[in-house]
Amino acid sequence: MAQHDRLKIDAGVQVYFCDPQSPWQRGTNENTNGLLRQYFPKGTDLSVHSADEIAAVAAALNARPRKTLGWKTPAETLDELLS
């Protein structure tokens, strides 16, 4: 993320850095990690899984409604944002 300043300028994206060892500052990230752990326990070597298996997990998580998105799915939210 060494080019975060350029990202802010080129895409107009706000960049926020959490303090180290402060998971409460990254609630959505921590929740997503927990969802991923349902499929891949901590310490899982992802190289033993095929790209299709990983894509299937991504599709399942992107089709799962999230409270932080007003109970829309990440896929729905992205589609709305891009249209």
N, C-alpha and C. Protein backbone atom coordinates (compact mmCIF):
# COMPACT_ATOMS: atom_id res chain seq x y z
N MET A 1 0.83 -1.18 0.00
CA MET A 1 0.00 0.00 0.00
C MET A 1 0.87 1.24 0.00
N ALA A 2 2.07 1.11 -0.51
CA ALA A 2 3.00 2.22 -0.51
C ALA A 2 2.52 3.38 -1.39
N GLN A 3 1.61 3.11 -2.31
CA GLN A 3 1.13 4.16 -3.21
C GLN A 3 -0.26 4.66 -2.82
N HIS A 4 -0.56 4.65 -1.52
CA HIS A 4 -1.89 5.06 -1.09
C HIS A 4 -2.19 6.51 -1.42
N ASP A 5 -1.19 7.38 -1.42
CA ASP A 5 -1.41 8.78 -1.78
C ASP A 5 -1.88 8.91 -3.23
N ARG A 6 -1.30 8.12 -4.09
CA ARG A 6 -1.71 8.16 -5.51
C ARG A 6 -3.13 7.63 -5.66
N LEU A 7 -3.48 6.59 -4.92
CA LEU A 7 -4.84 6.05 -4.96
C LEU A 7 -5.85 7.11 -4.54
N LYS A 8 -5.51 7.86 -3.49
CA LYS A 8 -6.40 8.92 -3.01
C LYS A 8 -6.61 9.97 -4.10
N ILE A 9 -5.57 10.32 -4.80
CA ILE A 9 -5.66 11.36 -5.83
C ILE A 9 -6.34 10.82 -7.09
N ASP A 10 -5.87 9.69 -7.59
CA ASP A 10 -6.38 9.15 -8.86
C ASP A 10 -7.82 8.67 -8.77
N ALA A 11 -8.19 8.01 -7.67
CA ALA A 11 -9.53 7.43 -7.56
C ALA A 11 -10.43 8.19 -6.61
N GLY A 12 -9.89 9.15 -5.90
CA GLY A 12 -10.71 9.88 -4.94
C GLY A 12 -11.16 9.03 -3.77
N VAL A 13 -10.36 8.02 -3.44
CA VAL A 13 -10.70 7.09 -2.37
C VAL A 13 -10.06 7.55 -1.07
N GLN A 14 -10.83 7.57 0.00
CA GLN A 14 -10.28 7.88 1.31
C GLN A 14 -9.53 6.65 1.83
N VAL A 15 -8.37 6.86 2.38
CA VAL A 15 -7.56 5.77 2.91
C VAL A 15 -7.44 5.95 4.42
N TYR A 16 -7.70 4.88 5.16
CA TYR A 16 -7.64 4.91 6.61
C TYR A 16 -6.73 3.78 7.07
N PHE A 17 -5.79 4.09 7.94
CA PHE A 17 -4.90 3.08 8.49
C PHE A 17 -5.26 2.85 9.94
N CYS A 18 -5.55 1.60 10.27
CA CYS A 18 -5.85 1.23 11.65
C CYS A 18 -4.55 1.13 12.44
N ASP A 19 -4.67 1.29 13.74
CA ASP A 19 -3.51 1.10 14.59
C ASP A 19 -3.16 -0.38 14.65
N PRO A 20 -1.86 -0.71 14.74
CA PRO A 20 -1.46 -2.12 14.85
C PRO A 20 -2.11 -2.78 16.08
N GLN A 21 -2.46 -4.03 15.93
CA GLN A 21 -3.04 -4.84 17.01
C GLN A 21 -4.28 -4.20 17.60
N SER A 22 -5.14 -3.66 16.73
CA SER A 22 -6.39 -3.02 17.16
C SER A 22 -7.55 -3.55 16.32
N PRO A 23 -7.93 -4.81 16.51
CA PRO A 23 -8.97 -5.40 15.66
C PRO A 23 -10.32 -4.69 15.75
N TRP A 24 -10.60 -3.99 16.86
CA TRP A 24 -11.87 -3.29 16.99
C TRP A 24 -11.98 -2.14 16.00
N GLN A 25 -10.88 -1.73 15.41
CA GLN A 25 -10.90 -0.67 14.40
C GLN A 25 -11.19 -1.23 13.00
N ARG A 26 -11.23 -2.55 12.91
CA ARG A 26 -11.44 -3.21 11.61
C ARG A 26 -12.58 -4.21 11.71
N GLY A 27 -13.73 -3.76 12.18
CA GLY A 27 -14.84 -4.68 12.44
C GLY A 27 -15.26 -5.51 11.25
N THR A 28 -15.48 -4.87 10.10
CA THR A 28 -15.92 -5.61 8.92
C THR A 28 -14.86 -6.59 8.47
N ASN A 29 -13.60 -6.18 8.54
CA ASN A 29 -12.50 -7.07 8.17
C ASN A 29 -12.45 -8.29 9.08
N GLU A 30 -12.58 -8.06 10.38
CA GLU A 30 -12.55 -9.17 11.34
C GLU A 30 -13.74 -10.10 11.13
N ASN A 31 -14.91 -9.54 10.84
CA ASN A 31 -16.09 -10.37 10.58
C ASN A 31 -15.88 -11.23 9.33
N THR A 32 -15.31 -10.63 8.30
CA THR A 32 -15.06 -11.38 7.07
C THR A 32 -14.04 -12.49 7.32
N ASN A 33 -13.02 -12.22 8.12
CA ASN A 33 -12.07 -13.27 8.48
C ASN A 33 -12.78 -14.43 9.15
N GLY A 34 -13.72 -14.12 10.04
CA GLY A 34 -14.49 -15.18 10.70
C GLY A 34 -15.31 -15.99 9.72
N LEU A 35 -15.91 -15.33 8.74
CA LEU A 35 -16.68 -16.05 7.71
C LEU A 35 -15.76 -16.95 6.89
N LEU A 36 -14.59 -16.45 6.55
CA LEU A 36 -13.64 -17.26 5.79
C LEU A 36 -13.19 -18.49 6.58
N ARG A 37 -13.08 -18.34 7.90
CA ARG A 37 -12.64 -19.46 8.76
C ARG A 37 -13.65 -20.61 8.75
N GLN A 38 -14.89 -20.33 8.36
CA GLN A 38 -15.87 -21.41 8.25
C GLN A 38 -15.50 -22.36 7.12
N TYR A 39 -14.80 -21.83 6.14
CA TYR A 39 -14.39 -22.63 4.99
C TYR A 39 -12.93 -23.07 5.08
N PHE A 40 -12.10 -22.18 5.60
CA PHE A 40 -10.67 -22.45 5.69
C PHE A 40 -10.21 -22.15 7.11
N PRO A 41 -10.06 -23.18 7.94
CA PRO A 41 -9.59 -22.94 9.31
C PRO A 41 -8.25 -22.22 9.33
N LYS A 42 -8.00 -21.50 10.42
CA LYS A 42 -6.75 -20.75 10.55
C LYS A 42 -5.56 -21.68 10.32
N GLY A 43 -4.60 -21.22 9.55
CA GLY A 43 -3.43 -22.02 9.25
C GLY A 43 -3.57 -22.88 8.01
N THR A 44 -4.73 -22.83 7.34
CA THR A 44 -4.95 -23.63 6.14
C THR A 44 -4.00 -23.19 5.04
N ASP A 45 -3.39 -24.14 4.37
CA ASP A 45 -2.54 -23.88 3.21
C ASP A 45 -3.47 -23.75 2.00
N LEU A 46 -3.69 -22.52 1.54
CA LEU A 46 -4.61 -22.31 0.42
C LEU A 46 -4.09 -22.88 -0.89
N SER A 47 -2.81 -23.17 -0.97
CA SER A 47 -2.27 -23.71 -2.22
C SER A 47 -2.78 -25.12 -2.51
N VAL A 48 -3.36 -25.80 -1.52
CA VAL A 48 -3.89 -27.14 -1.76
C VAL A 48 -5.31 -27.09 -2.31
N HIS A 49 -5.88 -25.89 -2.37
CA HIS A 49 -7.23 -25.72 -2.90
C HIS A 49 -7.15 -25.18 -4.32
N SER A 50 -8.05 -25.65 -5.16
CA SER A 50 -8.06 -25.18 -6.55
C SER A 50 -8.63 -23.77 -6.64
N ALA A 51 -8.35 -23.12 -7.74
CA ALA A 51 -8.91 -21.79 -7.98
C ALA A 51 -10.43 -21.85 -8.00
N ASP A 52 -10.98 -22.95 -8.51
CA ASP A 52 -12.45 -23.11 -8.55
C ASP A 52 -13.03 -23.21 -7.14
N GLU A 53 -12.35 -23.92 -6.24
CA GLU A 53 -12.83 -24.03 -4.85
C GLU A 53 -12.82 -22.67 -4.17
N ILE A 54 -11.75 -21.93 -4.37
CA ILE A 54 -11.64 -20.61 -3.74
C ILE A 54 -12.67 -19.65 -4.35
N ALA A 55 -12.88 -19.74 -5.66
CA ALA A 55 -13.89 -18.90 -6.31
C ALA A 55 -15.29 -19.24 -5.80
N ALA A 56 -15.55 -20.51 -5.52
CA ALA A 56 -16.86 -20.91 -5.00
C ALA A 56 -17.09 -20.32 -3.61
N VAL A 57 -16.07 -20.28 -2.78
CA VAL A 57 -16.18 -19.66 -1.45
C VAL A 57 -16.42 -18.17 -1.60
N ALA A 58 -15.68 -17.52 -2.50
CA ALA A 58 -15.87 -16.08 -2.74
C ALA A 58 -17.29 -15.81 -3.20
N ALA A 59 -17.81 -16.63 -4.10
CA ALA A 59 -19.18 -16.45 -4.59
C ALA A 59 -20.19 -16.62 -3.46
N ALA A 60 -19.97 -17.61 -2.61
CA ALA A 60 -20.88 -17.84 -1.48
C ALA A 60 -20.87 -16.65 -0.53
N LEU A 61 -19.69 -16.12 -0.23
CA LEU A 61 -19.61 -14.98 0.69
C LEU A 61 -20.16 -13.71 0.05
N ASN A 62 -19.98 -13.54 -1.25
CA ASN A 62 -20.50 -12.36 -1.93
C ASN A 62 -22.01 -12.41 -2.12
N ALA A 63 -22.60 -13.59 -1.93
CA ALA A 63 -24.05 -13.74 -2.02
C ALA A 63 -24.72 -13.76 -0.64
N ARG A 64 -23.94 -13.55 0.40
CA ARG A 64 -24.45 -13.58 1.77
C ARG A 64 -24.79 -12.16 2.24
N PRO A 65 -26.04 -11.90 2.64
CA PRO A 65 -26.41 -10.56 3.09
C PRO A 65 -25.59 -10.14 4.32
N ARG A 66 -25.28 -8.84 4.38
CA ARG A 66 -24.49 -8.30 5.48
C ARG A 66 -25.25 -7.17 6.17
N LYS A 67 -25.24 -7.18 7.47
CA LYS A 67 -25.90 -6.13 8.25
C LYS A 67 -25.34 -4.76 7.90
N THR A 68 -24.01 -4.67 7.74
CA THR A 68 -23.38 -3.38 7.45
C THR A 68 -23.78 -2.82 6.09
N LEU A 69 -24.36 -3.66 5.24
CA LEU A 69 -24.80 -3.23 3.92
C LEU A 69 -26.32 -3.12 3.85
N GLY A 70 -26.96 -2.99 5.00
CA GLY A 70 -28.42 -2.90 5.03
C GLY A 70 -29.09 -4.18 4.58
N TRP A 71 -28.47 -5.30 4.90
CA TRP A 71 -28.93 -6.65 4.57
C TRP A 71 -28.93 -6.93 3.08
N LYS A 72 -28.15 -6.15 2.33
CA LYS A 72 -27.91 -6.48 0.93
C LYS A 72 -26.65 -7.33 0.87
N THR A 73 -26.47 -7.99 -0.23
CA THR A 73 -25.25 -8.78 -0.41
C THR A 73 -24.15 -7.87 -0.94
N PRO A 74 -22.89 -8.25 -0.75
CA PRO A 74 -21.81 -7.48 -1.35
C PRO A 74 -21.96 -7.37 -2.87
N ALA A 75 -22.42 -8.44 -3.51
CA ALA A 75 -22.60 -8.42 -4.96
C ALA A 75 -23.67 -7.40 -5.35
N GLU A 76 -24.78 -7.36 -4.63
CA GLU A 76 -25.83 -6.37 -4.92
C GLU A 76 -25.32 -4.95 -4.73
N THR A 77 -24.60 -4.73 -3.65
CA THR A 77 -24.08 -3.41 -3.35
C THR A 77 -23.11 -2.95 -4.44
N LEU A 78 -22.23 -3.85 -4.88
CA LEU A 78 -21.29 -3.50 -5.94
C LEU A 78 -22.04 -3.18 -7.23
N ASP A 79 -23.03 -4.01 -7.57
CA ASP A 79 -23.81 -3.75 -8.79
C ASP A 79 -24.48 -2.39 -8.75
N GLU A 80 -25.06 -2.02 -7.60
CA GLU A 80 -25.70 -0.73 -7.46
C GLU A 80 -24.68 0.41 -7.59
N LEU A 81 -23.52 0.20 -7.02
CA LEU A 81 -22.49 1.22 -7.07
C LEU A 81 -21.99 1.44 -8.50
N LEU A 82 -21.87 0.37 -9.26
CA LEU A 82 -21.35 0.46 -10.62
C LEU A 82 -22.39 0.90 -11.65
N SER A 83 -23.67 0.85 -11.29
CA SER A 83 -24.71 1.23 -12.29
C SER A 83 -25.07 2.70 -12.19
